[in-house]
Amino acid sequence: MRSDKLGYNAPIEVYDQKYYRYADPDYSITELPLTADDFKLITKAVKMLGKTEGKPELQQMGRVLARVKKRLTAILNYG
């Protein structure tokens, strides 16, 4: 989470050699804005996930994908 590999680059610090906290008390990963590229990618994923609905051969995977679609849609509506 400290690196930018996942897009967080969080200001995390270690104290007392065993605890972690944000160096900036106002920082929150839940408050990171979506970039335009993130928005496009999530929108594309939601559309693709919609194409798997109602296909019997994807029943088990479809349940998981439906949850992913629901979550991604919620992220789009939040951002």
PDB file of N, CA and C in Angstrom:
ATOM      1  N   MET A   1       0.827  -1.199   0.000  1.00  0.00           N
ATOM      2  CA  MET A   1       0.000   0.000   0.000  1.00  0.00           C
ATOM      3  C   MET A   1       0.867   1.257   0.000  1.00  0.00           C
ATOM      4  N   ARG A   2       2.118   1.114   0.379  1.00  0.00           N
ATOM      5  CA  ARG A   2       3.001   2.275   0.334  1.00  0.00           C
ATOM      6  C   ARG A   2       3.428   2.611  -1.083  1.00  0.00           C
ATOM      7  N   SER A   3       3.503   1.601  -1.934  1.00  0.00           N
ATOM      8  CA  SER A   3       3.946   1.842  -3.302  1.00  0.00           C
ATOM      9  C   SER A   3       2.768   2.320  -4.148  1.00  0.00           C
ATOM     10  N   ASP A   4       3.084   2.731  -5.349  1.00  0.00           N
ATOM     11  CA  ASP A   4       2.044   3.184  -6.268  1.00  0.00           C
ATOM     12  C   ASP A   4       1.580   2.041  -7.167  1.00  0.00           C
ATOM     13  N   LYS A   5       2.046   0.814  -6.871  1.00  0.00           N
ATOM     14  CA  LYS A   5       1.730  -0.341  -7.703  1.00  0.00           C
ATOM     15  C   LYS A   5       0.224  -0.545  -7.827  1.00  0.00           C
ATOM     16  N   LEU A   6      -0.513  -0.375  -6.754  1.00  0.00           N
ATOM     17  CA  LEU A   6      -1.972  -0.522  -6.769  1.00  0.00           C
ATOM     18  C   LEU A   6      -2.687   0.826  -6.835  1.00  0.00           C
ATOM     19  N   GLY A   7      -1.913   1.891  -6.933  1.00  0.00           N
ATOM     20  CA  GLY A   7      -2.513   3.213  -7.061  1.00  0.00           C
ATOM     21  C   GLY A   7      -2.750   3.924  -5.739  1.00  0.00           C
ATOM     22  N   TYR A   8      -2.289   3.336  -4.640  1.00  0.00           N
ATOM     23  CA  TYR A   8      -2.534   3.955  -3.337  1.00  0.00           C
ATOM     24  C   TYR A   8      -1.444   4.943  -2.948  1.00  0.00           C
ATOM     25  N   ASN A   9      -0.205   4.491  -2.952  1.00  0.00           N
ATOM     26  CA  ASN A   9       0.908   5.310  -2.496  1.00  0.00           C
ATOM     27  C   ASN A   9       0.578   5.955  -1.148  1.00  0.00           C
ATOM     28  N   ALA A  10       0.066   5.127  -0.251  1.00  0.00           N
ATOM     29  CA  ALA A  10      -0.395   5.599   1.053  1.00  0.00           C
ATOM     30  C   ALA A  10       0.777   6.022   1.939  1.00  0.00           C
ATOM     31  N   PRO A  11       0.603   7.100   2.677  1.00  0.00           N
ATOM     32  CA  PRO A  11       1.659   7.574   3.574  1.00  0.00           C
ATOM     33  C   PRO A  11       1.666   6.764   4.880  1.00  0.00           C
ATOM     34  N   ILE A  12       2.138   5.522   4.791  1.00  0.00           N
ATOM     35  CA  ILE A  12       2.126   4.627   5.956  1.00  0.00           C
ATOM     36  C   ILE A  12       3.457   4.722   6.676  1.00  0.00           C
ATOM     37  N   GLU A  13       3.389   4.777   7.992  1.00  0.00           N
ATOM     38  CA  GLU A  13       4.601   4.786   8.803  1.00  0.00           C
ATOM     39  C   GLU A  13       4.508   3.714   9.881  1.00  0.00           C
ATOM     40  N   VAL A  14       5.670   3.254  10.334  1.00  0.00           N
ATOM     41  CA  VAL A  14       5.750   2.249  11.394  1.00  0.00           C
ATOM     42  C   VAL A  14       6.139   2.977  12.674  1.00  0.00           C
ATOM     43  N   TYR A  15       5.465   2.652  13.769  1.00  0.00           N
ATOM     44  CA  TYR A  15       5.867   3.225  15.047  1.00  0.00           C
ATOM     45  C   TYR A  15       5.927   2.118  16.088  1.00  0.00           C
ATOM     46  N   ASP A  16       6.762   2.304  17.070  1.00  0.00           N
ATOM     47  CA  ASP A  16       7.038   1.299  18.107  1.00  0.00           C
ATOM     48  C   ASP A  16       7.477  -0.029  17.482  1.00  0.00           C
ATOM     49  N   GLN A  17       8.046   0.028  16.306  1.00  0.00           N
ATOM     50  CA  GLN A  17       8.587  -1.110  15.568  1.00  0.00           C
ATOM     51  C   GLN A  17       7.587  -2.244  15.325  1.00  0.00           C
ATOM     52  N   LYS A  18       6.290  -1.972  15.496  1.00  0.00           N
ATOM     53  CA  LYS A  18       5.310  -3.030  15.237  1.00  0.00           C
ATOM     54  C   LYS A  18       3.938  -2.537  14.820  1.00  0.00           C
ATOM     55  N   TYR A  19       3.662  -1.262  14.910  1.00  0.00           N
ATOM     56  CA  TYR A  19       2.355  -0.735  14.558  1.00  0.00           C
ATOM     57  C   TYR A  19       2.444   0.114  13.293  1.00  0.00           C
ATOM     58  N   TYR A  20       1.362   0.131  12.570  1.00  0.00           N
ATOM     59  CA  TYR A  20       1.306   0.916  11.337  1.00  0.00           C
ATOM     60  C   TYR A  20       0.186   1.946  11.448  1.00  0.00           C
ATOM     61  N   ARG A  21       0.436   3.095  10.837  1.00  0.00           N
ATOM     62  CA  ARG A  21      -0.591   4.130  10.775  1.00  0.00           C
ATOM     63  C   ARG A  21      -0.276   5.040   9.592  1.00  0.00           C
ATOM     64  N   TYR A  22      -1.253   5.835   9.234  1.00  0.00           N
ATOM     65  CA  TYR A  22      -1.032   6.823   8.182  1.00  0.00           C
ATOM     66  C   TYR A  22      -0.269   7.998   8.779  1.00  0.00           C
ATOM     67  N   ALA A  23       0.759   8.451   8.082  1.00  0.00           N
ATOM     68  CA  ALA A  23       1.505   9.620   8.536  1.00  0.00           C
ATOM     69  C   ALA A  23       0.614  10.863   8.489  1.00  0.00           C
ATOM     70  N   ASP A  24      -0.306  10.873   7.540  1.00  0.00           N
ATOM     71  CA  ASP A  24      -1.274  11.961   7.407  1.00  0.00           C
ATOM     72  C   ASP A  24      -2.599  11.468   7.985  1.00  0.00           C
ATOM     73  N   PRO A  25      -3.034  11.978   9.125  1.00  0.00           N
ATOM     74  CA  PRO A  25      -4.266  11.488   9.755  1.00  0.00           C
ATOM     75  C   PRO A  25      -5.529  11.704   8.912  1.00  0.00           C
ATOM     76  N   ASP A  26      -5.458  12.580   7.915  1.00  0.00           N
ATOM     77  CA  ASP A  26      -6.616  12.829   7.054  1.00  0.00           C
ATOM     78  C   ASP A  26      -6.651  11.921   5.825  1.00  0.00           C
ATOM     79  N   TYR A  27      -5.612  11.103   5.633  1.00  0.00           N
ATOM     80  CA  TYR A  27      -5.546  10.229   4.466  1.00  0.00           C
ATOM     81  C   TYR A  27      -6.500   9.051   4.639  1.00  0.00           C
ATOM     82  N   SER A  28      -7.153   8.662   3.532  1.00  0.00           N
ATOM     83  CA  SER A  28      -8.034   7.501   3.539  1.00  0.00           C
ATOM     84  C   SER A  28      -8.062   6.909   2.140  1.00  0.00           C
ATOM     85  N   ILE A  29      -7.857   5.587   2.026  1.00  0.00           N
ATOM     86  CA  ILE A  29      -7.908   4.970   0.705  1.00  0.00           C
ATOM     87  C   ILE A  29      -9.332   4.954   0.169  1.00  0.00           C
ATOM     88  N   THR A  30     -10.307   5.060   1.036  1.00  0.00           N
ATOM     89  CA  THR A  30     -11.696   5.062   0.578  1.00  0.00           C
ATOM     90  C   THR A  30     -12.100   6.402  -0.021  1.00  0.00           C
ATOM     91  N   GLU A  31     -11.275   7.400   0.144  1.00  0.00           N
ATOM     92  CA  GLU A  31     -11.583   8.729  -0.385  1.00  0.00           C
ATOM     93  C   GLU A  31     -10.803   9.047  -1.649  1.00  0.00           C
ATOM     94  N   LEU A  32     -10.104   8.061  -2.220  1.00  0.00           N
ATOM     95  CA  LEU A  32      -9.349   8.306  -3.444  1.00  0.00           C
ATOM     96  C   LEU A  32     -10.310   8.459  -4.611  1.00  0.00           C
ATOM     97  N   PRO A  33     -10.136   9.495  -5.407  1.00  0.00           N
ATOM     98  CA  PRO A  33     -11.037   9.694  -6.550  1.00  0.00           C
ATOM     99  C   PRO A  33     -10.722   8.720  -7.674  1.00  0.00           C
ATOM    100  N   LEU A  34     -11.729   8.409  -8.478  1.00  0.00           N
ATOM    101  CA  LEU A  34     -11.513   7.593  -9.670  1.00  0.00           C
ATOM    102  C   LEU A  34     -10.910   8.471 -10.755  1.00  0.00           C
ATOM    103  N   THR A  35      -9.922   7.939 -11.443  1.00  0.00           N
ATOM    104  CA  THR A  35      -9.385   8.656 -12.591  1.00  0.00           C
ATOM    105  C   THR A  35     -10.316   8.410 -13.775  1.00  0.00           C
ATOM    106  N   ALA A  36     -10.159   9.170 -14.820  1.00  0.00           N
ATOM    107  CA  ALA A  36     -10.969   8.969 -16.026  1.00  0.00           C
ATOM    108  C   ALA A  36     -10.719   7.580 -16.591  1.00  0.00           C
ATOM    109  N   ASP A  37      -9.466   7.122 -16.547  1.00  0.00           N
ATOM    110  CA  ASP A  37      -9.144   5.778 -17.032  1.00  0.00           C
ATOM    111  C   ASP A  37      -9.797   4.704 -16.165  1.00  0.00           C
ATOM    112  N   ASP A  38      -9.803   4.902 -14.837  1.00  0.00           N
ATOM    113  CA  ASP A  38     -10.478   3.956 -13.937  1.00  0.00           C
ATOM    114  C   ASP A  38     -11.957   3.867 -14.287  1.00  0.00           C
ATOM    115  N   PHE A  39     -12.571   5.019 -14.485  1.00  0.00           N
ATOM    116  CA  PHE A  39     -13.998   5.067 -14.796  1.00  0.00           C
ATOM    117  C   PHE A  39     -14.304   4.312 -16.084  1.00  0.00           C
ATOM    118  N   LYS A  40     -13.490   4.542 -17.124  1.00  0.00           N
ATOM    119  CA  LYS A  40     -13.686   3.854 -18.399  1.00  0.00           C
ATOM    120  C   LYS A  40     -13.513   2.341 -18.241  1.00  0.00           C
ATOM    121  N   LEU A  41     -12.492   1.936 -17.506  1.00  0.00           N
ATOM    122  CA  LEU A  41     -12.221   0.517 -17.320  1.00  0.00           C
ATOM    123  C   LEU A  41     -13.336  -0.170 -16.535  1.00  0.00           C
ATOM    124  N   ILE A  42     -13.808   0.457 -15.478  1.00  0.00           N
ATOM    125  CA  ILE A  42     -14.884  -0.126 -14.680  1.00  0.00           C
ATOM    126  C   ILE A  42     -16.171  -0.181 -15.492  1.00  0.00           C
ATOM    127  N   THR A  43     -16.457   0.864 -16.254  1.00  0.00           N
ATOM    128  CA  THR A  43     -17.646   0.859 -17.104  1.00  0.00           C
ATOM    129  C   THR A  43     -17.587  -0.277 -18.110  1.00  0.00           C
ATOM    130  N   LYS A  44     -16.439  -0.466 -18.723  1.00  0.00           N
ATOM    131  CA  LYS A  44     -16.256  -1.555 -19.680  1.00  0.00           C
ATOM    132  C   LYS A  44     -16.444  -2.916 -18.996  1.00  0.00           C
ATOM    133  N   ALA A  45     -15.895  -3.076 -17.786  1.00  0.00           N
ATOM    134  CA  ALA A  45     -16.025  -4.331 -17.042  1.00  0.00           C
ATOM    135  C   ALA A  45     -17.483  -4.626 -16.706  1.00  0.00           C
ATOM    136  N   VAL A  46     -18.227  -3.602 -16.294  1.00  0.00           N
ATOM    137  CA  VAL A  46     -19.646  -3.788 -15.964  1.00  0.00           C
ATOM    138  C   VAL A  46     -20.415  -4.252 -17.200  1.00  0.00           C
ATOM    139  N   LYS A  47     -20.129  -3.662 -18.350  1.00  0.00           N
ATOM    140  CA  LYS A  47     -20.802  -4.064 -19.590  1.00  0.00           C
ATOM    141  C   LYS A  47     -20.465  -5.509 -19.948  1.00  0.00           C
ATOM    142  N   MET A  48     -19.203  -5.881 -19.803  1.00  0.00           N
ATOM    143  CA  MET A  48     -18.782  -7.241 -20.111  1.00  0.00           C
ATOM    144  C   MET A  48     -19.412  -8.250 -19.149  1.00  0.00           C
ATOM    145  N   LEU A  49     -19.483  -7.881 -17.881  1.00  0.00           N
ATOM    146  CA  LEU A  49     -20.079  -8.774 -16.887  1.00  0.00           C
ATOM    147  C   LEU A  49     -21.560  -8.979 -17.164  1.00  0.00           C
ATOM    148  N   GLY A  50     -22.214  -7.959 -17.673  1.00  0.00           N
ATOM    149  CA  GLY A  50     -23.630  -8.072 -18.010  1.00  0.00           C
ATOM    150  C   GLY A  50     -23.892  -9.100 -19.104  1.00  0.00           C
ATOM    151  N   LYS A  51     -22.924  -9.330 -19.954  1.00  0.00           N
ATOM    152  CA  LYS A  51     -23.068 -10.287 -21.048  1.00  0.00           C
ATOM    153  C   LYS A  51     -23.024 -11.738 -20.570  1.00  0.00           C
ATOM    154  N   THR A  52     -22.570 -11.979 -19.335  1.00  0.00           N
ATOM    155  CA  THR A  52     -22.482 -13.353 -18.822  1.00  0.00           C
ATOM    156  C   THR A  52     -23.760 -13.779 -18.106  1.00  0.00           C
ATOM    157  N   GLU A  53     -24.647 -12.830 -17.839  1.00  0.00           N
ATOM    158  CA  GLU A  53     -25.862 -13.138 -17.085  1.00  0.00           C
ATOM    159  C   GLU A  53     -26.794 -14.042 -17.882  1.00  0.00           C
ATOM    160  N   GLY A  54     -27.398 -15.012 -17.199  1.00  0.00           N
ATOM    161  CA  GLY A  54     -28.387 -15.878 -17.815  1.00  0.00           C
ATOM    162  C   GLY A  54     -27.808 -17.008 -18.655  1.00  0.00           C
ATOM    163  N   LYS A  55     -26.517 -17.250 -18.551  1.00  0.00           N
ATOM    164  CA  LYS A  55     -25.901 -18.340 -19.308  1.00  0.00           C
ATOM    165  C   LYS A  55     -25.666 -19.527 -18.366  1.00  0.00           C
ATOM    166  N   PRO A  56     -26.395 -20.643 -18.550  1.00  0.00           N
ATOM    167  CA  PRO A  56     -26.323 -21.779 -17.634  1.00  0.00           C
ATOM    168  C   PRO A  56     -24.913 -22.335 -17.453  1.00  0.00           C
ATOM    169  N   GLU A  57     -24.121 -22.336 -18.500  1.00  0.00           N
ATOM    170  CA  GLU A  57     -22.769 -22.895 -18.398  1.00  0.00           C
ATOM    171  C   GLU A  57     -21.856 -22.067 -17.497  1.00  0.00           C
ATOM    172  N   LEU A  58     -22.280 -20.863 -17.183  1.00  0.00           N
ATOM    173  CA  LEU A  58     -21.493 -19.983 -16.313  1.00  0.00           C
ATOM    174  C   LEU A  58     -22.180 -19.757 -14.969  1.00  0.00           C
ATOM    175  N   GLN A  59     -23.032 -20.695 -14.574  1.00  0.00           N
ATOM    176  CA  GLN A  59     -23.873 -20.489 -13.402  1.00  0.00           C
ATOM    177  C   GLN A  59     -23.074 -20.158 -12.138  1.00  0.00           C
ATOM    178  N   GLN A  60     -22.090 -21.000 -11.788  1.00  0.00           N
ATOM    179  CA  GLN A  60     -21.326 -20.751 -10.562  1.00  0.00           C
ATOM    180  C   GLN A  60     -20.485 -19.483 -10.704  1.00  0.00           C
ATOM    181  N   MET A  61     -19.782 -19.383 -11.807  1.00  0.00           N
ATOM    182  CA  MET A  61     -18.983 -18.197 -12.038  1.00  0.00           C
ATOM    183  C   MET A  61     -19.887 -16.971 -12.171  1.00  0.00           C
ATOM    184  N   GLY A  62     -21.065 -17.175 -12.722  1.00  0.00           N
ATOM    185  CA  GLY A  62     -22.005 -16.076 -12.887  1.00  0.00           C
ATOM    186  C   GLY A  62     -22.413 -15.437 -11.578  1.00  0.00           C
ATOM    187  N   ARG A  63     -22.551 -16.257 -10.540  1.00  0.00           N
ATOM    188  CA  ARG A  63     -22.909 -15.700  -9.218  1.00  0.00           C
ATOM    189  C   ARG A  63     -21.802 -14.782  -8.704  1.00  0.00           C
ATOM    190  N   VAL A  64     -20.562 -15.221  -8.876  1.00  0.00           N
ATOM    191  CA  VAL A  64     -19.438 -14.397  -8.442  1.00  0.00           C
ATOM    192  C   VAL A  64     -19.358 -13.134  -9.295  1.00  0.00           C
ATOM    193  N   LEU A  65     -19.515 -13.306 -10.602  1.00  0.00           N
ATOM    194  CA  LEU A  65     -19.446 -12.154 -11.501  1.00  0.00           C
ATOM    195  C   LEU A  65     -20.577 -11.161 -11.235  1.00  0.00           C
ATOM    196  N   ALA A  66     -21.739 -11.665 -10.850  1.00  0.00           N
ATOM    197  CA  ALA A  66     -22.854 -10.772 -10.516  1.00  0.00           C
ATOM    198  C   ALA A  66     -22.504  -9.911  -9.309  1.00  0.00           C
ATOM    199  N   ARG A  67     -21.818 -10.510  -8.337  1.00  0.00           N
ATOM    200  CA  ARG A  67     -21.387  -9.736  -7.161  1.00  0.00           C
ATOM    201  C   ARG A  67     -20.339  -8.695  -7.552  1.00  0.00           C
ATOM    202  N   VAL A  68     -19.422  -9.101  -8.428  1.00  0.00           N
ATOM    203  CA  VAL A  68     -18.402  -8.158  -8.902  1.00  0.00           C
ATOM    204  C   VAL A  68     -19.073  -7.010  -9.645  1.00  0.00           C
ATOM    205  N   LYS A  69     -20.013  -7.336 -10.509  1.00  0.00           N
ATOM    206  CA  LYS A  69     -20.725  -6.300 -11.263  1.00  0.00           C
ATOM    207  C   LYS A  69     -21.442  -5.341 -10.316  1.00  0.00           C
ATOM    208  N   LYS A  70     -22.089  -5.889  -9.300  1.00  0.00           N
ATOM    209  CA  LYS A  70     -22.814  -5.055  -8.334  1.00  0.00           C
ATOM    210  C   LYS A  70     -21.854  -4.100  -7.630  1.00  0.00           C
ATOM    211  N   ARG A  71     -20.684  -4.628  -7.243  1.00  0.00           N
ATOM    212  CA  ARG A  71     -19.711  -3.802  -6.534  1.00  0.00           C
ATOM    213  C   ARG A  71     -19.131  -2.725  -7.452  1.00  0.00           C
ATOM    214  N   LEU A  72     -18.807  -3.093  -8.682  1.00  0.00           N
ATOM    215  CA  LEU A  72     -18.243  -2.122  -9.618  1.00  0.00           C
ATOM    216  C   LEU A  72     -19.262  -1.032  -9.948  1.00  0.00           C
ATOM    217  N   THR A  73     -20.525  -1.423 -10.076  1.00  0.00           N
ATOM    218  CA  THR A  73     -21.576  -0.443 -10.333  1.00  0.00           C
ATOM    219  C   THR A  73     -21.699   0.525  -9.158  1.00  0.00           C
ATOM    220  N   ALA A  74     -21.591  -0.005  -7.942  1.00  0.00           N
ATOM    221  CA  ALA A  74     -21.645   0.854  -6.756  1.00  0.00           C
ATOM    222  C   ALA A  74     -20.480   1.836  -6.744  1.00  0.00           C
ATOM    223  N   ILE A  75     -19.295   1.370  -7.158  1.00  0.00           N
ATOM    224  CA  ILE A  75     -18.127   2.260  -7.221  1.00  0.00           C
ATOM    225  C   ILE A  75     -18.376   3.355  -8.249  1.00  0.00           C
ATOM    226  N   LEU A  76     -18.914   2.996  -9.397  1.00  0.00           N
ATOM    227  CA  LEU A  76     -19.193   4.019 -10.425  1.00  0.00           C
ATOM    228  C   LEU A  76     -20.193   5.038  -9.921  1.00  0.00           C
ATOM    229  N   ASN A  77     -21.205   4.586  -9.235  1.00  0.00           N
ATOM    230  CA  ASN A  77     -22.239   5.491  -8.725  1.00  0.00           C
ATOM    231  C   ASN A  77     -21.717   6.364  -7.591  1.00  0.00           C
ATOM    232  N   TYR A  78     -20.712   5.872  -6.854  1.00  0.00           N
ATOM    233  CA  TYR A  78     -20.132   6.637  -5.753  1.00  0.00           C
ATOM    234  C   TYR A  78     -19.206   7.728  -6.280  1.00  0.00           C
ATOM    235  N   GLY A  79     -18.410   7.358  -7.318  1.00  0.00           N
ATOM    236  CA  GLY A  79     -17.402   8.288  -7.862  1.00  0.00           C
ATOM    237  C   GLY A  79     -18.035   9.329  -8.662  1.00  0.00           C
TER     238      GLY A  79
END
